[in-house]
Amino acid sequence: MITTDEQIQTLTGQLKELSLKIAVLSAKQEAAVATARKFTEELDLLRTKQLSTTQQLRELELHKSGMYMWENIGDGG
């Protein structure tokens, strides 16, 4: 039959093991959050560059299609 002291030792061992697992998972979570934050910043930067590039392309396409010619007529151009 298991004594109270043995049960205490078993439960104490389980608590230590669980505490260690919690510490490991917490560290992994912190690393994942930092990585996610880095990815978010990088995505924001890339989206900003994409928007700027898209606007530049539209302006070039408008120039090529002659849409800006109408703007220049008032300037004598």
N, C-alpha and C. Protein backbone atom coordinates (compact mmCIF):
# COMPACT_ATOMS: atom_id res chain seq x y z
N MET A 1 0.84 -1.18 0.00
CA MET A 1 0.00 0.00 0.00
C MET A 1 0.89 1.25 0.00
N ILE A 2 0.46 2.25 -0.74
CA ILE A 2 1.24 3.48 -0.87
C ILE A 2 0.99 4.36 0.35
N THR A 3 2.08 4.85 0.91
CA THR A 3 1.96 5.70 2.09
C THR A 3 1.76 7.16 1.67
N THR A 4 1.39 7.97 2.62
CA THR A 4 1.19 9.39 2.38
C THR A 4 2.50 10.05 1.95
N ASP A 5 3.61 9.67 2.54
CA ASP A 5 4.91 10.22 2.15
C ASP A 5 5.24 9.90 0.70
N GLU A 6 4.93 8.69 0.26
CA GLU A 6 5.18 8.30 -1.12
C GLU A 6 4.29 9.09 -2.08
N GLN A 7 3.05 9.30 -1.68
CA GLN A 7 2.14 10.09 -2.51
C GLN A 7 2.64 11.54 -2.62
N ILE A 8 3.12 12.08 -1.50
CA ILE A 8 3.65 13.44 -1.51
C ILE A 8 4.86 13.53 -2.43
N GLN A 9 5.75 12.54 -2.36
CA GLN A 9 6.93 12.53 -3.22
C GLN A 9 6.53 12.42 -4.69
N THR A 10 5.55 11.57 -4.97
CA THR A 10 5.09 11.40 -6.36
C THR A 10 4.49 12.70 -6.88
N LEU A 11 3.63 13.31 -6.08
CA LEU A 11 3.00 14.56 -6.51
C LEU A 11 4.01 15.70 -6.63
N THR A 12 4.97 15.74 -5.72
CA THR A 12 6.02 16.75 -5.78
C THR A 12 6.84 16.59 -7.07
N GLY A 13 7.16 15.36 -7.40
CA GLY A 13 7.88 15.08 -8.65
C GLY A 13 7.07 15.51 -9.87
N GLN A 14 5.78 15.23 -9.83
CA GLN A 14 4.92 15.63 -10.95
C GLN A 14 4.86 17.16 -11.07
N LEU A 15 4.78 17.84 -9.92
CA LEU A 15 4.76 19.30 -9.95
C LEU A 15 6.04 19.88 -10.53
N LYS A 16 7.18 19.31 -10.16
CA LYS A 16 8.45 19.78 -10.71
C LYS A 16 8.50 19.58 -12.22
N GLU A 17 8.04 18.42 -12.66
CA GLU A 17 8.03 18.11 -14.09
C GLU A 17 7.11 19.07 -14.84
N LEU A 18 5.93 19.32 -14.28
CA LEU A 18 4.99 20.23 -14.91
C LEU A 18 5.53 21.66 -14.94
N SER A 19 6.18 22.07 -13.88
CA SER A 19 6.77 23.41 -13.84
C SER A 19 7.83 23.58 -14.91
N LEU A 20 8.64 22.55 -15.09
CA LEU A 20 9.67 22.58 -16.12
C LEU A 20 9.05 22.68 -17.51
N LYS A 21 8.00 21.88 -17.75
CA LYS A 21 7.33 21.91 -19.05
C LYS A 21 6.71 23.29 -19.31
N ILE A 22 6.13 23.88 -18.27
CA ILE A 22 5.55 25.21 -18.40
C ILE A 22 6.62 26.23 -18.73
N ALA A 23 7.76 26.14 -18.08
CA ALA A 23 8.86 27.08 -18.34
C ALA A 23 9.35 26.95 -19.78
N VAL A 24 9.48 25.73 -20.26
CA VAL A 24 9.95 25.49 -21.63
C VAL A 24 8.94 26.04 -22.63
N LEU A 25 7.66 25.76 -22.41
CA LEU A 25 6.64 26.25 -23.33
C LEU A 25 6.52 27.77 -23.29
N SER A 26 6.69 28.36 -22.13
CA SER A 26 6.66 29.82 -22.02
C SER A 26 7.79 30.44 -22.82
N ALA A 27 8.97 29.85 -22.74
CA ALA A 27 10.10 30.35 -23.51
C ALA A 27 9.84 30.23 -25.01
N LYS A 28 9.26 29.11 -25.43
CA LYS A 28 8.93 28.91 -26.84
C LYS A 28 7.88 29.92 -27.29
N GLN A 29 6.90 30.19 -26.40
CA GLN A 29 5.86 31.15 -26.73
C GLN A 29 6.46 32.55 -26.92
N GLU A 30 7.34 32.95 -26.02
CA GLU A 30 7.98 34.26 -26.13
C GLU A 30 8.77 34.38 -27.42
N ALA A 31 9.47 33.31 -27.78
CA ALA A 31 10.22 33.32 -29.03
C ALA A 31 9.28 33.42 -30.23
N ALA A 32 8.17 32.71 -30.17
CA ALA A 32 7.20 32.74 -31.27
C ALA A 32 6.58 34.13 -31.40
N VAL A 33 6.28 34.76 -30.28
CA VAL A 33 5.71 36.11 -30.32
C VAL A 33 6.71 37.09 -30.93
N ALA A 34 7.97 36.98 -30.55
CA ALA A 34 9.00 37.85 -31.10
C ALA A 34 9.14 37.63 -32.61
N THR A 35 9.10 36.39 -33.03
CA THR A 35 9.19 36.07 -34.46
C THR A 35 7.97 36.61 -35.20
N ALA A 36 6.80 36.44 -34.62
CA ALA A 36 5.57 36.95 -35.25
C ALA A 36 5.62 38.46 -35.37
N ARG A 37 6.13 39.13 -34.35
CA ARG A 37 6.25 40.59 -34.38
C ARG A 37 7.19 41.02 -35.51
N LYS A 38 8.29 40.29 -35.66
CA LYS A 38 9.25 40.58 -36.72
C LYS A 38 8.61 40.39 -38.10
N PHE A 39 7.85 39.31 -38.25
CA PHE A 39 7.17 39.05 -39.52
C PHE A 39 6.14 40.14 -39.82
N THR A 40 5.43 40.60 -38.79
CA THR A 40 4.44 41.65 -38.97
C THR A 40 5.09 42.93 -39.45
N GLU A 41 6.21 43.29 -38.85
CA GLU A 41 6.93 44.49 -39.29
C GLU A 41 7.42 44.35 -40.73
N GLU A 42 7.93 43.19 -41.05
CA GLU A 42 8.43 42.96 -42.41
C GLU A 42 7.29 43.01 -43.42
N LEU A 43 6.14 42.41 -43.06
CA LEU A 43 4.98 42.44 -43.94
C LEU A 43 4.49 43.86 -44.16
N ASP A 44 4.45 44.66 -43.09
CA ASP A 44 4.02 46.05 -43.22
C ASP A 44 4.94 46.81 -44.18
N LEU A 45 6.24 46.61 -44.03
CA LEU A 45 7.20 47.28 -44.90
C LEU A 45 7.00 46.85 -46.35
N LEU A 46 6.85 45.56 -46.57
CA LEU A 46 6.67 45.06 -47.94
C LEU A 46 5.37 45.56 -48.55
N ARG A 47 4.30 45.62 -47.75
CA ARG A 47 3.02 46.12 -48.26
C ARG A 47 3.12 47.60 -48.64
N THR A 48 3.85 48.37 -47.84
CA THR A 48 4.06 49.78 -48.15
C THR A 48 4.82 49.93 -49.46
N LYS A 49 5.87 49.14 -49.64
CA LYS A 49 6.64 49.18 -50.88
C LYS A 49 5.79 48.74 -52.07
N GLN A 50 4.94 47.72 -51.85
CA GLN A 50 4.06 47.23 -52.91
C GLN A 50 3.08 48.32 -53.34
N LEU A 51 2.50 49.03 -52.40
CA LEU A 51 1.57 50.10 -52.70
C LEU A 51 2.26 51.21 -53.48
N SER A 52 3.44 51.60 -53.04
CA SER A 52 4.20 52.64 -53.72
C SER A 52 4.54 52.23 -55.15
N THR A 53 4.98 51.00 -55.32
CA THR A 53 5.34 50.50 -56.64
C THR A 53 4.11 50.43 -57.55
N THR A 54 2.98 50.02 -56.99
CA THR A 54 1.73 49.96 -57.76
C THR A 54 1.33 51.35 -58.23
N GLN A 55 1.47 52.34 -57.36
CA GLN A 55 1.13 53.72 -57.74
C GLN A 55 2.06 54.23 -58.83
N GLN A 56 3.34 53.92 -58.72
CA GLN A 56 4.30 54.35 -59.74
C GLN A 56 3.96 53.71 -61.09
N LEU A 57 3.61 52.43 -61.05
CA LEU A 57 3.25 51.72 -62.29
C LEU A 57 2.01 52.34 -62.92
N ARG A 58 1.01 52.66 -62.13
CA ARG A 58 -0.21 53.28 -62.66
C ARG A 58 0.10 54.62 -63.32
N GLU A 59 0.96 55.42 -62.67
CA GLU A 59 1.33 56.70 -63.24
C GLU A 59 2.04 56.53 -64.58
N LEU A 60 2.94 55.55 -64.64
CA LEU A 60 3.63 55.29 -65.91
C LEU A 60 2.67 54.81 -66.99
N GLU A 61 1.73 53.97 -66.60
CA GLU A 61 0.74 53.49 -67.57
C GLU A 61 -0.14 54.63 -68.07
N LEU A 62 -0.50 55.56 -67.17
CA LEU A 62 -1.30 56.72 -67.58
C LEU A 62 -0.50 57.61 -68.54
N HIS A 63 0.77 57.81 -68.23
CA HIS A 63 1.63 58.59 -69.13
C HIS A 63 1.69 57.93 -70.50
N LYS A 64 1.88 56.64 -70.51
CA LYS A 64 2.02 55.92 -71.77
C LYS A 64 0.73 55.97 -72.58
N SER A 65 -0.41 55.91 -71.88
CA SER A 65 -1.68 55.90 -72.59
C SER A 65 -2.11 57.30 -73.03
N GLY A 66 -1.40 58.33 -72.58
CA GLY A 66 -1.72 59.68 -73.02
C GLY A 66 -2.70 60.40 -72.14
N MET A 67 -3.07 59.86 -71.03
CA MET A 67 -4.04 60.50 -70.15
C MET A 67 -3.51 61.81 -69.59
N TYR A 68 -2.20 61.96 -69.45
CA TYR A 68 -1.64 63.19 -68.90
C TYR A 68 -1.60 64.30 -69.95
N MET A 69 -1.78 63.95 -71.22
CA MET A 69 -1.78 64.97 -72.25
C MET A 69 -2.89 65.98 -72.01
N TRP A 70 -4.01 65.52 -71.52
CA TRP A 70 -5.13 66.42 -71.28
C TRP A 70 -4.79 67.40 -70.17
N GLU A 71 -4.01 66.99 -69.22
CA GLU A 71 -3.61 67.88 -68.14
C GLU A 71 -2.66 68.96 -68.66
N ASN A 72 -1.86 68.62 -69.63
CA ASN A 72 -0.87 69.55 -70.15
C ASN A 72 -1.47 70.57 -71.13
N ILE A 73 -2.65 70.34 -71.64
CA ILE A 73 -3.24 71.24 -72.64
C ILE A 73 -3.43 72.64 -72.03
N GLY A 74 -3.87 72.68 -70.79
CA GLY A 74 -4.08 73.97 -70.14
C GLY A 74 -2.79 74.73 -69.94
N ASP A 75 -1.67 74.04 -69.92
CA ASP A 75 -0.36 74.68 -69.75
C ASP A 75 0.28 75.04 -71.09
N GLY A 76 -0.47 74.81 -72.15
CA GLY A 76 0.07 75.09 -73.48
C GLY A 76 0.87 73.93 -74.03
N GLY A 77 0.76 72.78 -73.36
CA GLY A 77 1.61 71.69 -73.73
C GLY A 77 0.98 70.64 -74.49
